[in-house]
């Protein structure tokens, strides 16, 4: 395991179906930015790289490269930043591309400015028009300073961490599963890297558990009454953990470990009298309370 990678993680996915225009991407980017802002992260901490595979298609068209090579070229150029330029060039040449086409592809994909891209490809190219529209939306939504034209991953500005999230358009996905294609785009956002960034920035909130009461039956036959006590307290707005099949010593340690307020013991002699034993953990005070008066 490396930093920002775990065997198990939680993932947030957001997808929009049926919208073929870049308004969908603009909405998804806005959702990502809103999450960052609500976590206290700023555009100086995190940036979102935006591009379009239509850019690559436009470059392939410039050099009359056949369509069937598109996927293969995509796989190779996705390694930009992970492999040296020489290694990328070698792999592209191995697909049958001319050295002129290889240089053209890498040069265009190295562009970091939308205006420069427009100079190279022309303003009438669909990829350029889509990107200009998206960046116009970004201005109107108010997150233009979060995005830049580049590859297609979200990253921390210092470059110390793996990609925080990633996404794209997959208009032809559904047909691979036997359905009709529907315009679609979305992103996946895991918790592992963002937690590392929040730790680094001192923004990770205190997520310690807060349990008001632990209810513990001292005998197996009292599990039903203990359930009744737990249910009654929960209805009154208390946060209650019902513990069974443990030793009393373990329960006391567990109550202290999770900073519970009270320990409520359901014992035979007390229950027969309509009572339970309550221990206030902060003061060590212990007393009996009628079940009907337990708050």
C-alpha atoms as a PDB file:
ATOM      1  CA  UNK A   1       0.000   0.000   0.000  1.00  0.00           C
ATOM      2  CA  UNK A   2       1.215   3.496  -0.855  1.00  0.00           C
ATOM      3  CA  UNK A   3       0.050   6.876   0.323  1.00  0.00           C
ATOM      4  CA  UNK A   4      -3.442   7.591  -0.994  1.00  0.00           C
ATOM      5  CA  UNK A   5      -4.094   3.953  -1.885  1.00  0.00           C
ATOM      6  CA  UNK A   6      -5.938   1.404   0.261  1.00  0.00           C
ATOM      7  CA  UNK A   7      -7.278  -2.103  -0.191  1.00  0.00           C
ATOM      8  CA  UNK A   8     -10.780  -0.821   0.529  1.00  0.00           C
ATOM      9  CA  UNK A   9     -12.223   2.652   0.071  1.00  0.00           C
ATOM     10  CA  UNK A  10     -15.457   4.561  -0.219  1.00  0.00           C
ATOM     11  CA  UNK A  11     -16.281   6.090  -3.577  1.00  0.00           C
ATOM     12  CA  UNK A  12     -18.647   8.827  -4.651  1.00  0.00           C
ATOM     13  CA  UNK A  13     -19.875   8.522  -8.231  1.00  0.00           C
ATOM     14  CA  UNK A  14     -21.960  11.113 -10.011  1.00  0.00           C
ATOM     15  CA  UNK A  15     -23.268  10.623 -13.543  1.00  0.00           C
ATOM     16  CA  UNK A  16     -25.517  12.521 -15.955  1.00  0.00           C
ATOM     17  CA  UNK A  17     -27.380  10.663 -18.695  1.00  0.00           C
ATOM     18  CA  UNK A  18     -29.144  12.044 -21.744  1.00  0.00           C
ATOM     19  CA  UNK A  19     -27.287  15.359 -22.030  1.00  0.00           C
ATOM     20  CA  UNK A  20     -24.986  15.442 -25.086  1.00  0.00           C
ATOM     21  CA  UNK A  21     -23.723  19.008 -24.582  1.00  0.00           C
ATOM     22  CA  UNK A  22     -20.963  20.265 -22.285  1.00  0.00           C
ATOM     23  CA  UNK A  23     -23.528  21.613 -19.834  1.00  0.00           C
ATOM     24  CA  UNK A  24     -23.350  18.139 -18.261  1.00  0.00           C
ATOM     25  CA  UNK A  25     -19.594  18.390 -17.743  1.00  0.00           C
ATOM     26  CA  UNK A  26     -20.018  21.913 -16.365  1.00  0.00           C
ATOM     27  CA  UNK A  27     -22.516  20.658 -13.770  1.00  0.00           C
ATOM     28  CA  UNK A  28     -20.276  17.759 -12.741  1.00  0.00           C
ATOM     29  CA  UNK A  29     -17.252  20.030 -12.364  1.00  0.00           C
ATOM     30  CA  UNK A  30     -19.351  22.381 -10.255  1.00  0.00           C
ATOM     31  CA  UNK A  31     -20.296  19.499  -7.943  1.00  0.00           C
ATOM     32  CA  UNK A  32     -16.620  18.588  -7.490  1.00  0.00           C
ATOM     33  CA  UNK A  33     -15.632  22.184  -6.756  1.00  0.00           C
ATOM     34  CA  UNK A  34     -18.495  22.612  -4.262  1.00  0.00           C
ATOM     35  CA  UNK A  35     -17.295  19.558  -2.368  1.00  0.00           C
ATOM     36  CA  UNK A  36     -13.748  20.921  -2.207  1.00  0.00           C
ATOM     37  CA  UNK A  37     -15.018  24.282  -0.980  1.00  0.00           C
ATOM     38  CA  UNK A  38     -17.182  22.727   1.713  1.00  0.00           C
ATOM     39  CA  UNK A  39     -14.154  20.766   2.924  1.00  0.00           C
ATOM     40  CA  UNK A  40     -12.167  23.989   3.219  1.00  0.00           C
ATOM     41  CA  UNK A  41      -9.940  23.282   0.224  1.00  0.00           C
ATOM     42  CA  UNK A  42      -9.175  26.178  -2.122  1.00  0.00           C
ATOM     43  CA  UNK A  43      -8.175  26.491  -5.765  1.00  0.00           C
ATOM     44  CA  UNK A  44      -4.590  27.077  -4.622  1.00  0.00           C
ATOM     45  CA  UNK A  45      -4.616  23.587  -3.075  1.00  0.00           C
ATOM     46  CA  UNK A  46      -6.316  21.671  -5.862  1.00  0.00           C
ATOM     47  CA  UNK A  47      -6.689  22.052  -9.606  1.00  0.00           C
ATOM     48  CA  UNK A  48      -8.760  20.234 -12.233  1.00  0.00           C
ATOM     49  CA  UNK A  49      -7.151  19.451 -15.567  1.00  0.00           C
ATOM     50  CA  UNK A  50      -9.618  19.503 -18.444  1.00  0.00           C
ATOM     51  CA  UNK A  51      -9.223  18.153 -21.952  1.00  0.00           C
ATOM     52  CA  UNK A  52     -11.180  16.324 -24.623  1.00  0.00           C
ATOM     53  CA  UNK A  53     -10.491  13.179 -26.579  1.00  0.00           C
ATOM     54  CA  UNK A  54     -11.935  15.064 -29.537  1.00  0.00           C
ATOM     55  CA  UNK A  55      -8.644  16.977 -29.497  1.00  0.00           C
ATOM     56  CA  UNK A  56      -6.767  13.764 -30.186  1.00  0.00           C
ATOM     57  CA  UNK A  57      -9.291  12.799 -32.864  1.00  0.00           C
ATOM     58  CA  UNK A  58      -8.771  16.177 -34.540  1.00  0.00           C
ATOM     59  CA  UNK A  59      -5.000  15.647 -34.559  1.00  0.00           C
ATOM     60  CA  UNK A  60      -5.393  12.169 -36.042  1.00  0.00           C
ATOM     61  CA  UNK A  61      -7.603  13.644 -38.755  1.00  0.00           C
ATOM     62  CA  UNK A  62      -4.923  16.248 -39.530  1.00  0.00           C
ATOM     63  CA  UNK A  63      -2.490  13.425 -40.322  1.00  0.00           C
ATOM     64  CA  UNK A  64      -5.079  11.155 -42.012  1.00  0.00           C
ATOM     65  CA  UNK A  65      -4.578   8.448 -39.395  1.00  0.00           C
ATOM     66  CA  UNK A  66      -7.251   5.708 -39.698  1.00  0.00           C
ATOM     67  CA  UNK A  67     -10.038   5.593 -37.098  1.00  0.00           C
ATOM     68  CA  UNK A  68      -9.254   2.048 -36.008  1.00  0.00           C
ATOM     69  CA  UNK A  69      -5.993   3.298 -34.436  1.00  0.00           C
ATOM     70  CA  UNK A  70      -7.764   5.848 -32.227  1.00  0.00           C
ATOM     71  CA  UNK A  71      -8.223   3.593 -29.177  1.00  0.00           C
ATOM     72  CA  UNK A  72      -4.683   2.279 -29.404  1.00  0.00           C
ATOM     73  CA  UNK A  73      -3.255   5.811 -29.584  1.00  0.00           C
ATOM     74  CA  UNK A  74      -5.470   6.897 -26.654  1.00  0.00           C
ATOM     75  CA  UNK A  75      -4.060   4.145 -24.464  1.00  0.00           C
ATOM     76  CA  UNK A  76      -0.511   5.230 -25.263  1.00  0.00           C
ATOM     77  CA  UNK A  77      -0.956   8.991 -24.821  1.00  0.00           C
ATOM     78  CA  UNK A  78      -2.738   8.393 -21.495  1.00  0.00           C
ATOM     79  CA  UNK A  79       0.727   7.464 -20.233  1.00  0.00           C
ATOM     80  CA  UNK A  80       2.003  11.007 -20.770  1.00  0.00           C
ATOM     81  CA  UNK A  81       3.532  12.132 -17.491  1.00  0.00           C
ATOM     82  CA  UNK A  82       4.109   8.545 -16.422  1.00  0.00           C
ATOM     83  CA  UNK A  83       6.610   7.674 -19.154  1.00  0.00           C
ATOM     84  CA  UNK A  84       9.296   9.717 -20.884  1.00  0.00           C
ATOM     85  CA  UNK A  85       8.558  11.457 -24.173  1.00  0.00           C
ATOM     86  CA  UNK A  86      10.997   9.108 -25.920  1.00  0.00           C
ATOM     87  CA  UNK A  87       9.148   6.039 -24.617  1.00  0.00           C
ATOM     88  CA  UNK A  88       5.802   7.461 -25.736  1.00  0.00           C
ATOM     89  CA  UNK A  89       7.188   8.257 -29.182  1.00  0.00           C
ATOM     90  CA  UNK A  90       8.562   4.725 -29.525  1.00  0.00           C
ATOM     91  CA  UNK A  91       5.193   3.170 -28.649  1.00  0.00           C
ATOM     92  CA  UNK A  92       3.336   5.446 -31.080  1.00  0.00           C
ATOM     93  CA  UNK A  93       5.743   4.628 -33.905  1.00  0.00           C
ATOM     94  CA  UNK A  94       5.206   0.923 -33.213  1.00  0.00           C
ATOM     95  CA  UNK A  95       1.495   1.357 -34.100  1.00  0.00           C
ATOM     96  CA  UNK A  96       2.484   2.392 -37.629  1.00  0.00           C
ATOM     97  CA  UNK A  97       2.289   6.186 -37.237  1.00  0.00           C
ATOM     98  CA  UNK A  98       4.764   8.345 -39.119  1.00  0.00           C
ATOM     99  CA  UNK A  99       7.334  10.283 -37.106  1.00  0.00           C
ATOM    100  CA  UNK A 100       5.665  13.516 -38.304  1.00  0.00           C
ATOM    101  CA  UNK A 101       2.302  12.381 -36.934  1.00  0.00           C
ATOM    102  CA  UNK A 102       3.868  11.279 -33.640  1.00  0.00           C
ATOM    103  CA  UNK A 103       5.530  14.680 -33.176  1.00  0.00           C
ATOM    104  CA  UNK A 104       2.261  16.424 -34.058  1.00  0.00           C
ATOM    105  CA  UNK A 105       0.268  14.362 -31.541  1.00  0.00           C
ATOM    106  CA  UNK A 106       2.695  14.928 -28.668  1.00  0.00           C
ATOM    107  CA  UNK A 107       3.113  18.628 -29.467  1.00  0.00           C
ATOM    108  CA  UNK A 108      -0.647  19.245 -29.438  1.00  0.00           C
ATOM    109  CA  UNK A 109      -1.200  17.203 -26.285  1.00  0.00           C
ATOM    110  CA  UNK A 110       1.532  19.220 -24.563  1.00  0.00           C
ATOM    111  CA  UNK A 111      -0.360  22.475 -25.089  1.00  0.00           C
ATOM    112  CA  UNK A 112      -1.445  24.098 -21.815  1.00  0.00           C
ATOM    113  CA  UNK A 113      -3.414  26.987 -23.315  1.00  0.00           C
ATOM    114  CA  UNK A 114      -6.826  26.869 -24.971  1.00  0.00           C
ATOM    115  CA  UNK A 115      -5.950  29.868 -27.140  1.00  0.00           C
ATOM    116  CA  UNK A 116      -2.814  28.086 -28.344  1.00  0.00           C
ATOM    117  CA  UNK A 117      -4.884  24.976 -29.104  1.00  0.00           C
ATOM    118  CA  UNK A 118      -7.235  27.115 -31.177  1.00  0.00           C
ATOM    119  CA  UNK A 119      -4.263  28.497 -33.125  1.00  0.00           C
ATOM    120  CA  UNK A 120      -3.106  24.980 -33.997  1.00  0.00           C
ATOM    121  CA  UNK A 121      -6.433  23.254 -34.709  1.00  0.00           C
ATOM    122  CA  UNK A 122      -8.599  26.194 -35.756  1.00  0.00           C
ATOM    123  CA  UNK A 123     -11.762  27.595 -34.176  1.00  0.00           C
ATOM    124  CA  UNK A 124     -14.118  25.501 -36.326  1.00  0.00           C
ATOM    125  CA  UNK A 125     -12.947  22.193 -34.792  1.00  0.00           C
ATOM    126  CA  UNK A 126     -15.605  20.651 -32.532  1.00  0.00           C
ATOM    127  CA  UNK A 127     -13.128  19.920 -29.732  1.00  0.00           C
ATOM    128  CA  UNK A 128     -12.092  23.581 -29.533  1.00  0.00           C
ATOM    129  CA  UNK A 129     -15.703  24.818 -29.620  1.00  0.00           C
ATOM    130  CA  UNK A 130     -16.708  22.414 -26.823  1.00  0.00           C
ATOM    131  CA  UNK A 131     -13.773  23.407 -24.619  1.00  0.00           C
ATOM    132  CA  UNK A 132     -14.391  27.129 -25.149  1.00  0.00           C
ATOM    133  CA  UNK A 133     -18.028  26.599 -24.165  1.00  0.00           C
ATOM    134  CA  UNK A 134     -17.011  24.644 -21.069  1.00  0.00           C
ATOM    135  CA  UNK A 135     -14.557  27.321 -19.939  1.00  0.00           C
ATOM    136  CA  UNK A 136     -17.253  29.947 -20.563  1.00  0.00           C
ATOM    137  CA  UNK A 137     -19.576  27.984 -18.253  1.00  0.00           C
ATOM    138  CA  UNK A 138     -16.770  27.812 -15.688  1.00  0.00           C
ATOM    139  CA  UNK A 139     -16.635  31.617 -15.637  1.00  0.00           C
ATOM    140  CA  UNK A 140     -20.393  31.832 -15.172  1.00  0.00           C
ATOM    141  CA  UNK A 141     -20.465  29.196 -12.417  1.00  0.00           C
ATOM    142  CA  UNK A 142     -17.536  30.905 -10.707  1.00  0.00           C
ATOM    143  CA  UNK A 143     -14.959  28.116 -10.722  1.00  0.00           C
ATOM    144  CA  UNK A 144     -12.750  29.185 -13.641  1.00  0.00           C
ATOM    145  CA  UNK A 145      -9.737  29.498 -11.330  1.00  0.00           C
ATOM    146  CA  UNK A 146     -10.084  25.806 -10.414  1.00  0.00           C
ATOM    147  CA  UNK A 147      -9.646  24.447 -13.943  1.00  0.00           C
ATOM    148  CA  UNK A 148      -6.932  24.524 -16.559  1.00  0.00           C
ATOM    149  CA  UNK A 149      -6.555  23.041 -20.005  1.00  0.00           C
ATOM    150  CA  UNK A 150      -4.297  19.972 -19.801  1.00  0.00           C
ATOM    151  CA  UNK A 151      -4.746  16.217 -19.348  1.00  0.00           C
ATOM    152  CA  UNK A 152      -7.839  14.821 -17.623  1.00  0.00           C
ATOM    153  CA  UNK A 153      -7.347  14.298 -13.905  1.00  0.00           C
ATOM    154  CA  UNK A 154      -7.937  16.258 -10.711  1.00  0.00           C
ATOM    155  CA  UNK A 155      -4.706  16.805  -8.783  1.00  0.00           C
ATOM    156  CA  UNK A 156      -3.218  18.521  -5.736  1.00  0.00           C
ATOM    157  CA  UNK A 157      -1.298  21.625  -6.793  1.00  0.00           C
ATOM    158  CA  UNK A 158       1.930  20.486  -5.156  1.00  0.00           C
ATOM    159  CA  UNK A 159       1.860  17.202  -7.046  1.00  0.00           C
ATOM    160  CA  UNK A 160       2.639  15.100  -3.976  1.00  0.00           C
ATOM    161  CA  UNK A 161      -0.472  12.944  -4.190  1.00  0.00           C
ATOM    162  CA  UNK A 162      -2.182  10.656  -6.670  1.00  0.00           C
ATOM    163  CA  UNK A 163      -5.173  11.916  -8.640  1.00  0.00           C
ATOM    164  CA  UNK A 164      -8.013  12.834  -6.281  1.00  0.00           C
ATOM    165  CA  UNK A 165     -10.760  12.042  -8.764  1.00  0.00           C
ATOM    166  CA  UNK A 166     -11.275  11.540 -12.467  1.00  0.00           C
ATOM    167  CA  UNK A 167     -14.036  11.386 -14.997  1.00  0.00           C
ATOM    168  CA  UNK A 168     -15.111  11.824 -18.574  1.00  0.00           C
ATOM    169  CA  UNK A 169     -17.720  11.187 -21.206  1.00  0.00           C
ATOM    170  CA  UNK A 170     -18.796   7.681 -22.194  1.00  0.00           C
ATOM    171  CA  UNK A 171     -21.523   8.117 -24.794  1.00  0.00           C
ATOM    172  CA  UNK A 172     -20.953   4.648 -26.280  1.00  0.00           C
ATOM    173  CA  UNK A 173     -20.753   2.643 -23.072  1.00  0.00           C
ATOM    174  CA  UNK A 174     -24.271   1.217 -22.908  1.00  0.00           C
ATOM    175  CA  UNK A 175     -24.088  -0.477 -26.305  1.00  0.00           C
ATOM    176  CA  UNK A 176     -21.269  -2.667 -24.968  1.00  0.00           C
ATOM    177  CA  UNK A 177     -23.852  -4.119 -22.574  1.00  0.00           C
ATOM    178  CA  UNK A 178     -26.469  -4.709 -25.261  1.00  0.00           C
ATOM    179  CA  UNK A 179     -28.463  -1.513 -24.788  1.00  0.00           C
ATOM    180  CA  UNK A 180     -28.939   1.569 -26.916  1.00  0.00           C
ATOM    181  CA  UNK A 181     -26.334   4.280 -26.472  1.00  0.00           C
ATOM    182  CA  UNK A 182     -27.300   7.326 -24.437  1.00  0.00           C
ATOM    183  CA  UNK A 183     -25.138  10.441 -23.999  1.00  0.00           C
ATOM    184  CA  UNK A 184     -23.468  10.093 -20.609  1.00  0.00           C
ATOM    185  CA  UNK A 185     -20.651  11.472 -18.521  1.00  0.00           C
ATOM    186  CA  UNK A 186     -19.596  11.236 -14.918  1.00  0.00           C
ATOM    187  CA  UNK A 187     -16.795  11.011 -12.397  1.00  0.00           C
ATOM    188  CA  UNK A 188     -15.528   8.810  -9.597  1.00  0.00           C
ATOM    189  CA  UNK A 189     -14.222  10.329  -6.367  1.00  0.00           C
ATOM    190  CA  UNK A 190     -12.513   8.101  -3.797  1.00  0.00           C
ATOM    191  CA  UNK A 191     -11.975   8.995  -0.141  1.00  0.00           C
ATOM    192  CA  UNK A 192      -8.346   7.853   0.184  1.00  0.00           C
ATOM    193  CA  UNK A 193      -6.443  10.720  -1.466  1.00  0.00           C
ATOM    194  CA  UNK A 194      -8.744  13.523  -0.314  1.00  0.00           C
ATOM    195  CA  UNK A 195      -8.337  12.349   3.291  1.00  0.00           C
ATOM    196  CA  UNK A 196      -4.544  12.534   2.904  1.00  0.00           C
ATOM    197  CA  UNK A 197      -4.844  16.074   1.554  1.00  0.00           C
ATOM    198  CA  UNK A 198      -7.173  17.126   4.375  1.00  0.00           C
ATOM    199  CA  UNK A 199      -4.700  15.746   6.918  1.00  0.00           C
ATOM    200  CA  UNK A 200      -1.848  17.627   5.266  1.00  0.00           C
ATOM    201  CA  UNK A 201      -3.795  20.905   5.287  1.00  0.00           C
ATOM    202  CA  UNK A 202      -5.010  20.427   8.870  1.00  0.00           C
ATOM    203  CA  UNK A 203      -8.620  20.322   7.654  1.00  0.00           C
ATOM    204  CA  UNK A 204      -9.658  16.826   8.686  1.00  0.00           C
ATOM    205  CA  UNK A 205     -12.567  17.231  11.135  1.00  0.00           C
ATOM    206  CA  UNK A 206     -12.794  15.388  14.425  1.00  0.00           C
ATOM    207  CA  UNK A 207     -14.711  12.249  13.509  1.00  0.00           C
ATOM    208  CA  UNK A 208     -14.692  10.660  16.955  1.00  0.00           C
ATOM    209  CA  UNK A 209     -17.825   8.685  17.799  1.00  0.00           C
ATOM    210  CA  UNK A 210     -20.277  10.226  20.214  1.00  0.00           C
ATOM    211  CA  UNK A 211     -22.453   7.702  22.003  1.00  0.00           C
ATOM    212  CA  UNK A 212     -24.782   8.915  24.721  1.00  0.00           C
ATOM    213  CA  UNK A 213     -25.622   5.560  26.278  1.00  0.00           C
ATOM    214  CA  UNK A 214     -24.385   1.997  26.241  1.00  0.00           C
ATOM    215  CA  UNK A 215     -27.064  -0.489  27.251  1.00  0.00           C
ATOM    216  CA  UNK A 216     -25.802  -3.853  28.499  1.00  0.00           C
ATOM    217  CA  UNK A 217     -27.852  -6.860  29.675  1.00  0.00           C
ATOM    218  CA  UNK A 218     -26.065  -8.714  32.482  1.00  0.00           C
ATOM    219  CA  UNK A 219     -27.788 -11.987  31.589  1.00  0.00           C
ATOM    220  CA  UNK A 220     -28.778 -13.547  28.281  1.00  0.00           C
ATOM    221  CA  UNK A 221     -32.470 -13.671  29.249  1.00  0.00           C
ATOM    222  CA  UNK A 222     -32.409  -9.867  29.660  1.00  0.00           C
ATOM    223  CA  UNK A 223     -31.549  -9.191  26.006  1.00  0.00           C
ATOM    224  CA  UNK A 224     -35.228  -8.473  25.272  1.00  0.00           C
ATOM    225  CA  UNK A 225     -35.611  -5.918  28.087  1.00  0.00           C
ATOM    226  CA  UNK A 226     -32.281  -4.340  27.095  1.00  0.00           C
ATOM    227  CA  UNK A 227     -33.582  -3.954  23.539  1.00  0.00           C
ATOM    228  CA  UNK A 228     -36.692  -2.274  24.924  1.00  0.00           C
ATOM    229  CA  UNK A 229     -34.569   0.169  26.960  1.00  0.00           C
ATOM    230  CA  UNK A 230     -32.389   0.970  23.940  1.00  0.00           C
ATOM    231  CA  UNK A 231     -35.443   1.558  21.757  1.00  0.00           C
ATOM    232  CA  UNK A 232     -37.049   3.855  24.326  1.00  0.00           C
ATOM    233  CA  UNK A 233     -33.910   5.986  24.678  1.00  0.00           C
ATOM    234  CA  UNK A 234     -33.453   6.263  20.909  1.00  0.00           C
ATOM    235  CA  UNK A 235     -37.015   7.525  20.538  1.00  0.00           C
ATOM    236  CA  UNK A 236     -36.105  10.266  23.011  1.00  0.00           C
ATOM    237  CA  UNK A 237     -33.218  11.348  20.784  1.00  0.00           C
ATOM    238  CA  UNK A 238     -30.363   9.583  22.572  1.00  0.00           C
ATOM    239  CA  UNK A 239     -27.529   7.921  20.643  1.00  0.00           C
ATOM    240  CA  UNK A 240     -27.501   4.368  21.995  1.00  0.00           C
ATOM    241  CA  UNK A 241     -25.260   1.349  21.489  1.00  0.00           C
ATOM    242  CA  UNK A 242     -26.660  -2.005  22.564  1.00  0.00           C
ATOM    243  CA  UNK A 243     -23.869  -4.397  23.600  1.00  0.00           C
ATOM    244  CA  UNK A 244     -24.360  -8.138  24.116  1.00  0.00           C
ATOM    245  CA  UNK A 245     -22.212 -11.249  24.607  1.00  0.00           C
ATOM    246  CA  UNK A 246     -19.325  -9.369  26.243  1.00  0.00           C
ATOM    247  CA  UNK A 247     -17.700  -9.408  29.666  1.00  0.00           C
ATOM    248  CA  UNK A 248     -18.563  -6.494  31.950  1.00  0.00           C
ATOM    249  CA  UNK A 249     -14.889  -5.504  32.160  1.00  0.00           C
ATOM    250  CA  UNK A 250     -14.767  -5.192  28.363  1.00  0.00           C
ATOM    251  CA  UNK A 251     -17.947  -3.081  28.365  1.00  0.00           C
ATOM    252  CA  UNK A 252     -16.455  -0.602  30.868  1.00  0.00           C
ATOM    253  CA  UNK A 253     -13.285  -0.230  28.790  1.00  0.00           C
ATOM    254  CA  UNK A 254     -15.311   0.102  25.584  1.00  0.00           C
ATOM    255  CA  UNK A 255     -17.483   2.812  27.138  1.00  0.00           C
ATOM    256  CA  UNK A 256     -14.396   4.815  28.104  1.00  0.00           C
ATOM    257  CA  UNK A 257     -12.739   4.247  24.731  1.00  0.00           C
ATOM    258  CA  UNK A 258     -15.652   5.694  22.775  1.00  0.00           C
ATOM    259  CA  UNK A 259     -16.316   8.433  25.342  1.00  0.00           C
ATOM    260  CA  UNK A 260     -19.890   7.347  26.096  1.00  0.00           C
ATOM    261  CA  UNK A 261     -21.834   9.448  28.597  1.00  0.00           C
ATOM    262  CA  UNK A 262     -23.612   6.677  30.485  1.00  0.00           C
ATOM    263  CA  UNK A 263     -23.554   2.942  30.962  1.00  0.00           C
ATOM    264  CA  UNK A 264     -26.967   1.414  31.590  1.00  0.00           C
ATOM    265  CA  UNK A 265     -26.872  -2.061  33.123  1.00  0.00           C
ATOM    266  CA  UNK A 266     -29.933  -4.263  32.913  1.00  0.00           C
ATOM    267  CA  UNK A 267     -29.737  -6.824  35.759  1.00  0.00           C
ATOM    268  CA  UNK A 268     -32.214  -9.387  37.054  1.00  0.00           C
ATOM    269  CA  UNK A 269     -32.815  -7.942  40.530  1.00  0.00           C
ATOM    270  CA  UNK A 270     -33.192  -4.384  39.222  1.00  0.00           C
ATOM    271  CA  UNK A 271     -35.434  -5.396  36.331  1.00  0.00           C
ATOM    272  CA  UNK A 272     -37.787  -7.282  38.644  1.00  0.00           C
ATOM    273  CA  UNK A 273     -38.302  -4.013  40.499  1.00  0.00           C
ATOM    274  CA  UNK A 274     -38.791  -2.047  37.265  1.00  0.00           C
ATOM    275  CA  UNK A 275     -35.372  -0.454  37.586  1.00  0.00           C
ATOM    276  CA  UNK A 276     -32.025  -0.281  35.759  1.00  0.00           C
ATOM    277  CA  UNK A 277     -28.591   0.680  37.056  1.00  0.00           C
ATOM    278  CA  UNK A 278     -27.038   3.810  35.537  1.00  0.00           C
ATOM    279  CA  UNK A 279     -23.359   4.716  35.729  1.00  0.00           C
ATOM    280  CA  UNK A 280     -22.353   8.249  34.702  1.00  0.00           C
ATOM    281  CA  UNK A 281     -18.905   7.713  33.238  1.00  0.00           C
ATOM    282  CA  UNK A 282     -17.550  11.244  33.656  1.00  0.00           C
ATOM    283  CA  UNK A 283     -18.208  11.342  37.437  1.00  0.00           C
ATOM    284  CA  UNK A 284     -18.301   7.600  38.234  1.00  0.00           C
ATOM    285  CA  UNK A 285     -21.628   8.253  39.920  1.00  0.00           C
ATOM    286  CA  UNK A 286     -23.839   5.144  40.011  1.00  0.00           C
ATOM    287  CA  UNK A 287     -27.542   4.849  40.887  1.00  0.00           C
ATOM    288  CA  UNK A 288     -30.786   3.075  40.071  1.00  0.00           C
ATOM    289  CA  UNK A 289     -33.548   4.617  37.947  1.00  0.00           C
ATOM    290  CA  UNK A 290     -37.086   3.477  37.219  1.00  0.00           C
ATOM    291  CA  UNK A 291     -37.340   2.394  33.603  1.00  0.00           C
ATOM    292  CA  UNK A 292     -40.332   4.704  33.162  1.00  0.00           C
ATOM    293  CA  UNK A 293     -38.245   7.694  34.309  1.00  0.00           C
ATOM    294  CA  UNK A 294     -35.108   6.965  32.305  1.00  0.00           C
ATOM    295  CA  UNK A 295     -34.343   9.942  30.079  1.00  0.00           C
END
